Amino acid sequence: MPILDVQLKAGESMFTESGGMAWKSPNISMHTSTKGGIVKGIKRMFTGESFFMTTYKCDSGNGAVAFCSEFPGRIIDFNLKDGEHIICQRDAFLAAQEGVSIDLKTVGVGAGIFGGESFFMQKISGPGKAFLELSGEITEYTLKAGQRLQVDTGYIAAFEPAVKYTIERVKGFKNMAFAGEGLFLASLEGPGKVYLQSMPLKALANKIFTYLPKKEK
């Protein structure tokens, strides 16, 4: 269960979704807003984040604020320049420096209907450092131009914007019926870097559900 423990100097700040802060020093003030207006807030809700965002600013001296992941996994950071962005799964955003923005990224109709996840992903843009919370261990691949990787959609954590994301049907009747991977897989095509997670939350939730006591009729 990773922790992001941030040390701030006077005037520096970080923001996160509502309820994302774990602890802080007394000289860290809080300011909650829609962070860009109502439309921005609504778009964030479609990506799994909160309508309101809270900014934590160090008012004087040196301060500390901590953000904890909501599930077992990894926290990874991206130092994004102005104009740079990263595409990631819904609800991946943890915290970021001022200047970073969260927007809606729509995937194709095929990916939304057949991918088994969602029509919407997160687009995290710079300038500034952004931190993502991802489930399980993280494996990174750097794909060359034209190089493809077929992935169960739940294992896709993030990828660079140059990577092409499409959905492909699994070939072979036996594979579709008995392999247990579903009818479709995501295809990630380079060039660019992709980040894959080892423990999709949907798979974890389904596994836990099998052990929950069932109500007797």
C-alpha atoms as a PDB file:
ATOM      1  CA  MET A   1       0.000   0.000   0.000  1.00  0.00           C
ATOM      2  CA  PRO A   2       2.200   2.867  -1.257  1.00  0.00           C
ATOM      3  CA  ILE A   3       2.234   6.384   0.195  1.00  0.00           C
ATOM      4  CA  LEU A   4       3.095   9.619  -1.609  1.00  0.00           C
ATOM      5  CA  ASP A   5       4.739  11.818   1.054  1.00  0.00           C
ATOM      6  CA  VAL A   6       5.345  15.302  -0.404  1.00  0.00           C
ATOM      7  CA  GLN A   7       7.633  17.904   1.146  1.00  0.00           C
ATOM      8  CA  LEU A   8       6.636  21.469   0.207  1.00  0.00           C
ATOM      9  CA  LYS A   9       8.368  24.812   0.592  1.00  0.00           C
ATOM     10  CA  ALA A  10       6.523  28.092   1.209  1.00  0.00           C
ATOM     11  CA  GLY A  11       4.284  28.888  -1.777  1.00  0.00           C
ATOM     12  CA  GLU A  12       4.404  25.382  -3.269  1.00  0.00           C
ATOM     13  CA  SER A  13       1.211  23.349  -3.637  1.00  0.00           C
ATOM     14  CA  MET A  14      -0.281  20.028  -4.731  1.00  0.00           C
ATOM     15  CA  PHE A  15      -3.852  19.088  -5.601  1.00  0.00           C
ATOM     16  CA  THR A  16      -5.860  15.881  -5.446  1.00  0.00           C
ATOM     17  CA  GLU A  17      -9.472  14.731  -5.653  1.00  0.00           C
ATOM     18  CA  SER A  18     -11.803  15.290  -2.698  1.00  0.00           C
ATOM     19  CA  GLY A  19     -10.862  13.003   0.188  1.00  0.00           C
ATOM     20  CA  GLY A  20      -7.477  12.142  -1.322  1.00  0.00           C
ATOM     21  CA  MET A  21      -5.324  13.581   1.481  1.00  0.00           C
ATOM     22  CA  ALA A  22      -4.175  11.257   4.288  1.00  0.00           C
ATOM     23  CA  TRP A  23      -2.275  13.643   6.603  1.00  0.00           C
ATOM     24  CA  LYS A  24      -0.535  17.016   6.549  1.00  0.00           C
ATOM     25  CA  SER A  25       1.410  19.487   8.671  1.00  0.00           C
ATOM     26  CA  PRO A  26      -0.503  22.436  10.212  1.00  0.00           C
ATOM     27  CA  ASN A  27       1.088  25.014   7.887  1.00  0.00           C
ATOM     28  CA  ILE A  28      -0.535  23.368   4.847  1.00  0.00           C
ATOM     29  CA  SER A  29      -3.792  25.144   3.955  1.00  0.00           C
ATOM     30  CA  MET A  30      -6.668  23.603   1.971  1.00  0.00           C
ATOM     31  CA  HIS A  31      -8.700  25.151  -0.832  1.00  0.00           C
ATOM     32  CA  THR A  32     -11.491  23.209  -2.584  1.00  0.00           C
ATOM     33  CA  SER A  33     -12.848  24.212  -6.008  1.00  0.00           C
ATOM     34  CA  THR A  34     -14.100  22.816  -9.302  1.00  0.00           C
ATOM     35  CA  LYS A  35     -10.564  23.335 -10.674  1.00  0.00           C
ATOM     36  CA  GLY A  36     -11.436  24.812 -14.050  1.00  0.00           C
ATOM     37  CA  GLY A  37     -15.194  25.226 -13.793  1.00  0.00           C
ATOM     38  CA  ILE A  38     -18.340  23.106 -13.937  1.00  0.00           C
ATOM     39  CA  VAL A  39     -17.629  21.549 -17.343  1.00  0.00           C
ATOM     40  CA  LYS A  40     -14.147  20.444 -16.236  1.00  0.00           C
ATOM     41  CA  GLY A  41     -15.641  18.986 -13.057  1.00  0.00           C
ATOM     42  CA  ILE A  42     -18.258  16.992 -14.981  1.00  0.00           C
ATOM     43  CA  LYS A  43     -15.627  15.654 -17.377  1.00  0.00           C
ATOM     44  CA  ARG A  44     -13.517  14.491 -14.425  1.00  0.00           C
ATOM     45  CA  MET A  45     -16.504  12.595 -13.013  1.00  0.00           C
ATOM     46  CA  PHE A  46     -16.723  10.587 -16.244  1.00  0.00           C
ATOM     47  CA  THR A  47     -13.088   9.583 -15.722  1.00  0.00           C
ATOM     48  CA  GLY A  48     -13.725   8.302 -12.190  1.00  0.00           C
ATOM     49  CA  GLU A  49     -12.526  11.396 -10.285  1.00  0.00           C
ATOM     50  CA  SER A  50     -14.447  13.813  -8.077  1.00  0.00           C
ATOM     51  CA  PHE A  51     -16.290  16.945  -9.220  1.00  0.00           C
ATOM     52  CA  PHE A  52     -14.355  19.034  -6.694  1.00  0.00           C
ATOM     53  CA  MET A  53     -10.575  19.046  -6.296  1.00  0.00           C
ATOM     54  CA  THR A  54      -8.621  20.172  -3.231  1.00  0.00           C
ATOM     55  CA  THR A  55      -5.370  22.133  -3.364  1.00  0.00           C
ATOM     56  CA  TYR A  56      -2.881  21.893  -0.471  1.00  0.00           C
ATOM     57  CA  LYS A  57      -0.539  24.876  -0.218  1.00  0.00           C
ATOM     58  CA  CYS A  58       2.399  25.437   2.105  1.00  0.00           C
ATOM     59  CA  ASP A  59       1.802  28.880   3.655  1.00  0.00           C
ATOM     60  CA  SER A  60       5.174  29.283   5.379  1.00  0.00           C
ATOM     61  CA  GLY A  61       8.421  27.432   6.099  1.00  0.00           C
ATOM     62  CA  ASN A  62       8.535  23.777   5.113  1.00  0.00           C
ATOM     63  CA  GLY A  63       5.494  21.516   5.192  1.00  0.00           C
ATOM     64  CA  ALA A  64       4.388  17.998   4.369  1.00  0.00           C
ATOM     65  CA  VAL A  65       1.263  16.425   2.901  1.00  0.00           C
ATOM     66  CA  ALA A  66       0.652  12.740   2.197  1.00  0.00           C
ATOM     67  CA  PHE A  67      -1.610  10.947  -0.255  1.00  0.00           C
ATOM     68  CA  CYS A  68      -2.272   7.196   0.067  1.00  0.00           C
ATOM     69  CA  SER A  69      -3.277   4.764  -2.644  1.00  0.00           C
ATOM     70  CA  GLU A  70      -6.777   3.295  -2.318  1.00  0.00           C
ATOM     71  CA  PHE A  71      -5.643  -0.239  -3.237  1.00  0.00           C
ATOM     72  CA  PRO A  72      -2.500  -2.426  -3.297  1.00  0.00           C
ATOM     73  CA  GLY A  73      -0.221  -1.438  -6.129  1.00  0.00           C
ATOM     74  CA  ARG A  74       2.266   1.196  -7.259  1.00  0.00           C
ATOM     75  CA  ILE A  75       2.432   4.970  -7.458  1.00  0.00           C
ATOM     76  CA  ILE A  76       4.297   6.192 -10.536  1.00  0.00           C
ATOM     77  CA  ASP A  77       5.112   9.764 -11.521  1.00  0.00           C
ATOM     78  CA  PHE A  78       5.364  11.646 -14.807  1.00  0.00           C
ATOM     79  CA  ASN A  79       7.236  14.924 -15.185  1.00  0.00           C
ATOM     80  CA  LEU A  80       5.171  16.455 -17.994  1.00  0.00           C
ATOM     81  CA  LYS A  81       6.342  19.456 -19.976  1.00  0.00           C
ATOM     82  CA  ASP A  82       3.967  22.090 -21.340  1.00  0.00           C
ATOM     83  CA  GLY A  83       1.976  20.401 -24.119  1.00  0.00           C
ATOM     84  CA  GLU A  84       2.876  16.853 -23.028  1.00  0.00           C
ATOM     85  CA  HIS A  85       0.271  14.406 -21.774  1.00  0.00           C
ATOM     86  CA  ILE A  86      -0.247  10.774 -20.799  1.00  0.00           C
ATOM     87  CA  ILE A  87      -3.348   8.589 -21.318  1.00  0.00           C
ATOM     88  CA  CYS A  88      -4.368   6.401 -18.378  1.00  0.00           C
ATOM     89  CA  GLN A  89      -7.205   4.283 -17.040  1.00  0.00           C
ATOM     90  CA  ARG A  90     -10.186   5.732 -15.201  1.00  0.00           C
ATOM     91  CA  ASP A  91      -9.545   6.742 -11.577  1.00  0.00           C
ATOM     92  CA  ALA A  92      -5.758   6.529 -11.993  1.00  0.00           C
ATOM     93  CA  PHE A  93      -5.016  10.121 -10.967  1.00  0.00           C
ATOM     94  CA  LEU A  94      -3.696  10.525  -7.417  1.00  0.00           C
ATOM     95  CA  ALA A  95      -2.140  14.001  -7.097  1.00  0.00           C
ATOM     96  CA  ALA A  96      -0.228  16.606  -9.077  1.00  0.00           C
ATOM     97  CA  GLN A  97       1.517  19.946  -9.019  1.00  0.00           C
ATOM     98  CA  GLU A  98      -0.316  23.102  -9.997  1.00  0.00           C
ATOM     99  CA  GLY A  99      -0.312  23.453 -13.780  1.00  0.00           C
ATOM    100  CA  VAL A 100      -1.309  19.839 -14.421  1.00  0.00           C
ATOM    101  CA  SER A 101      -4.828  19.300 -15.783  1.00  0.00           C
ATOM    102  CA  ILE A 102      -7.129  16.262 -15.978  1.00  0.00           C
ATOM    103  CA  ASP A 103      -9.348  15.872 -19.018  1.00  0.00           C
ATOM    104  CA  LEU A 104     -11.600  13.337 -20.663  1.00  0.00           C
ATOM    105  CA  LYS A 105     -10.160  11.006 -23.309  1.00  0.00           C
ATOM    106  CA  THR A 106     -12.740   9.068 -25.323  1.00  0.00           C
ATOM    107  CA  VAL A 107     -11.785   5.747 -26.861  1.00  0.00           C
ATOM    108  CA  GLY A 108     -13.286   4.377 -30.076  1.00  0.00           C
ATOM    109  CA  VAL A 109     -16.768   2.868 -30.220  1.00  0.00           C
ATOM    110  CA  GLY A 110     -15.305  -0.619 -30.599  1.00  0.00           C
ATOM    111  CA  ALA A 111     -13.060  -0.169 -27.570  1.00  0.00           C
ATOM    112  CA  GLY A 112     -15.919   1.146 -25.463  1.00  0.00           C
ATOM    113  CA  ILE A 113     -18.462  -1.534 -26.418  1.00  0.00           C
ATOM    114  CA  PHE A 114     -16.240  -4.593 -26.733  1.00  0.00           C
ATOM    115  CA  GLY A 115     -13.260  -3.694 -24.558  1.00  0.00           C
ATOM    116  CA  GLY A 116     -15.058  -4.570 -21.337  1.00  0.00           C
ATOM    117  CA  GLU A 117     -13.964  -1.376 -19.565  1.00  0.00           C
ATOM    118  CA  SER A 118     -15.240   2.109 -20.438  1.00  0.00           C
ATOM    119  CA  PHE A 119     -15.634   4.604 -23.263  1.00  0.00           C
ATOM    120  CA  PHE A 120     -13.609   7.079 -21.207  1.00  0.00           C
ATOM    121  CA  MET A 121     -10.020   7.287 -20.068  1.00  0.00           C
ATOM    122  CA  GLN A 122      -8.016  10.067 -18.406  1.00  0.00           C
ATOM    123  CA  LYS A 123      -5.803  12.550 -20.215  1.00  0.00           C
ATOM    124  CA  ILE A 124      -3.250  14.035 -17.792  1.00  0.00           C
ATOM    125  CA  SER A 125      -1.519  17.111 -19.263  1.00  0.00           C
ATOM    126  CA  GLY A 126       1.427  19.262 -18.175  1.00  0.00           C
ATOM    127  CA  PRO A 127       3.262  21.323 -17.260  1.00  0.00           C
ATOM    128  CA  GLY A 128       4.130  19.741 -13.918  1.00  0.00           C
ATOM    129  CA  LYS A 129       4.631  16.458 -12.119  1.00  0.00           C
ATOM    130  CA  ALA A 130       1.647  14.088 -11.916  1.00  0.00           C
ATOM    131  CA  PHE A 131       1.296  10.951  -9.810  1.00  0.00           C
ATOM    132  CA  LEU A 132      -0.858   7.951 -10.774  1.00  0.00           C
ATOM    133  CA  GLU A 133      -2.054   5.117  -8.522  1.00  0.00           C
ATOM    134  CA  LEU A 134      -2.077   1.781 -10.361  1.00  0.00           C
ATOM    135  CA  SER A 135      -3.040  -1.681  -9.140  1.00  0.00           C
ATOM    136  CA  GLY A 136      -0.523  -4.459  -8.642  1.00  0.00           C
ATOM    137  CA  GLU A 137       2.971  -4.459 -10.119  1.00  0.00           C
ATOM    138  CA  ILE A 138       3.755  -2.390 -13.221  1.00  0.00           C
ATOM    139  CA  THR A 139       5.481  -3.650 -16.369  1.00  0.00           C
ATOM    140  CA  GLU A 140       6.730  -1.133 -18.931  1.00  0.00           C
ATOM    141  CA  TYR A 141       7.153  -1.790 -22.646  1.00  0.00           C
ATOM    142  CA  THR A 142       8.634   0.590 -25.202  1.00  0.00           C
ATOM    143  CA  LEU A 143       7.023  -0.290 -28.523  1.00  0.00           C
ATOM    144  CA  LYS A 144       8.718   0.519 -31.799  1.00  0.00           C
ATOM    145  CA  ALA A 145       6.777   1.955 -34.726  1.00  0.00           C
ATOM    146  CA  GLY A 146       4.368  -0.719 -35.956  1.00  0.00           C
ATOM    147  CA  GLN A 147       5.109  -3.075 -33.036  1.00  0.00           C
ATOM    148  CA  ARG A 148       1.906  -4.363 -31.434  1.00  0.00           C
ATOM    149  CA  LEU A 149       0.956  -5.855 -28.087  1.00  0.00           C
ATOM    150  CA  GLN A 150      -2.364  -7.630 -27.431  1.00  0.00           C
ATOM    151  CA  VAL A 151      -3.660  -7.029 -23.906  1.00  0.00           C
ATOM    152  CA  ASP A 152      -6.734  -7.849 -21.854  1.00  0.00           C
ATOM    153  CA  THR A 153      -8.163  -4.341 -21.408  1.00  0.00           C
ATOM    154  CA  GLY A 154      -8.197  -4.489 -17.607  1.00  0.00           C
ATOM    155  CA  TYR A 155      -4.406  -4.724 -17.537  1.00  0.00           C
ATOM    156  CA  ILE A 156      -3.852  -1.446 -19.411  1.00  0.00           C
ATOM    157  CA  ALA A 157      -2.734   1.191 -16.908  1.00  0.00           C
ATOM    158  CA  ALA A 158      -1.370   3.999 -19.091  1.00  0.00           C
ATOM    159  CA  PHE A 159       0.283   4.721 -22.421  1.00  0.00           C
ATOM    160  CA  GLU A 160       1.893   7.576 -24.307  1.00  0.00           C
ATOM    161  CA  PRO A 161      -0.340   9.492 -26.751  1.00  0.00           C
ATOM    162  CA  ALA A 162       1.528   8.231 -29.837  1.00  0.00           C
ATOM    163  CA  VAL A 163       0.395   4.656 -29.051  1.00  0.00           C
ATOM    164  CA  LYS A 164      -2.639   3.533 -31.078  1.00  0.00           C
ATOM    165  CA  TYR A 165      -5.369   1.787 -29.041  1.00  0.00           C
ATOM    166  CA  THR A 166      -7.852  -0.475 -30.870  1.00  0.00           C
ATOM    167  CA  ILE A 167      -9.886  -3.625 -30.160  1.00  0.00           C
ATOM    168  CA  GLU A 168      -9.412  -6.973 -31.944  1.00  0.00           C
ATOM    169  CA  ARG A 169     -11.585 -10.085 -31.909  1.00  0.00           C
ATOM    170  CA  VAL A 170     -10.009 -13.256 -30.538  1.00  0.00           C
ATOM    171  CA  LYS A 171      -9.479 -15.764 -33.348  1.00  0.00           C
ATOM    172  CA  GLY A 172     -10.780 -19.324 -33.166  1.00  0.00           C
ATOM    173  CA  PHE A 173     -14.078 -20.617 -31.732  1.00  0.00           C
ATOM    174  CA  LYS A 174     -12.426 -22.661 -28.959  1.00  0.00           C
ATOM    175  CA  ASN A 175     -10.354 -19.669 -27.914  1.00  0.00           C
ATOM    176  CA  MET A 176     -13.443 -17.455 -27.742  1.00  0.00           C
ATOM    177  CA  ALA A 177     -15.531 -20.057 -25.916  1.00  0.00           C
ATOM    178  CA  PHE A 178     -13.095 -21.691 -23.503  1.00  0.00           C
ATOM    179  CA  ALA A 179      -9.933 -19.572 -23.070  1.00  0.00           C
ATOM    180  CA  GLY A 180     -11.597 -17.354 -20.473  1.00  0.00           C
ATOM    181  CA  GLU A 181     -10.219 -14.150 -22.012  1.00  0.00           C
ATOM    182  CA  GLY A 182     -13.487 -12.988 -23.580  1.00  0.00           C
ATOM    183  CA  LEU A 183     -14.186 -12.278 -27.243  1.00  0.00           C
ATOM    184  CA  PHE A 184     -11.949  -9.246 -27.643  1.00  0.00           C
ATOM    185  CA  LEU A 185      -8.463  -8.040 -26.750  1.00  0.00           C
ATOM    186  CA  ALA A 186      -6.970  -4.569 -26.848  1.00  0.00           C
ATOM    187  CA  SER A 187      -4.248  -3.893 -29.397  1.00  0.00           C
ATOM    188  CA  LEU A 188      -1.566  -1.357 -28.478  1.00  0.00           C
ATOM    189  CA  GLU A 189       0.573  -0.289 -31.437  1.00  0.00           C
ATOM    190  CA  GLY A 190       3.766   1.746 -31.205  1.00  0.00           C
ATOM    191  CA  PRO A 191       5.694   3.894 -31.268  1.00  0.00           C
ATOM    192  CA  GLY A 192       5.541   4.736 -27.585  1.00  0.00           C
ATOM    193  CA  LYS A 193       5.689   3.456 -24.038  1.00  0.00           C
ATOM    194  CA  VAL A 194       2.900   1.446 -22.385  1.00  0.00           C
ATOM    195  CA  TYR A 195       2.378   0.656 -18.700  1.00  0.00           C
ATOM    196  CA  LEU A 196       0.606  -2.588 -17.787  1.00  0.00           C
ATOM    197  CA  GLN A 197      -0.700  -3.492 -14.320  1.00  0.00           C
ATOM    198  CA  SER A 198      -0.747  -6.984 -12.843  1.00  0.00           C
ATOM    199  CA  MET A 199      -3.952  -6.777 -10.779  1.00  0.00           C
ATOM    200  CA  PRO A 200      -7.002  -5.146 -12.425  1.00  0.00           C
ATOM    201  CA  LEU A 201      -9.424  -3.966  -9.743  1.00  0.00           C
ATOM    202  CA  LYS A 202     -12.361  -5.550 -11.553  1.00  0.00           C
ATOM    203  CA  ALA A 203     -10.665  -8.963 -11.438  1.00  0.00           C
ATOM    204  CA  LEU A 204      -9.785  -8.481  -7.753  1.00  0.00           C
ATOM    205  CA  ALA A 205     -13.356  -7.485  -6.901  1.00  0.00           C
ATOM    206  CA  ASN A 206     -14.773 -10.520  -8.737  1.00  0.00           C
ATOM    207  CA  LYS A 207     -12.378 -12.829  -6.873  1.00  0.00           C
ATOM    208  CA  ILE A 208     -13.303 -11.353  -3.475  1.00  0.00           C
ATOM    209  CA  PHE A 209     -16.996 -11.613  -4.356  1.00  0.00           C
ATOM    210  CA  THR A 210     -16.755 -15.409  -4.639  1.00  0.00           C
ATOM    211  CA  TYR A 211     -15.737 -15.578  -0.952  1.00  0.00           C
ATOM    212  CA  LEU A 212     -18.488 -13.311   0.372  1.00  0.00           C
ATOM    213  CA  PRO A 213     -21.287 -15.064   2.277  1.00  0.00           C
ATOM    214  CA  LYS A 214     -24.430 -15.529   0.215  1.00  0.00           C
ATOM    215  CA  LYS A 215     -27.839 -14.664   1.620  1.00  0.00           C
ATOM    216  CA  GLU A 216     -30.127 -17.622   1.997  1.00  0.00           C
ATOM    217  CA  LYS A 217     -33.473 -17.361   0.227  1.00  0.00           C
END
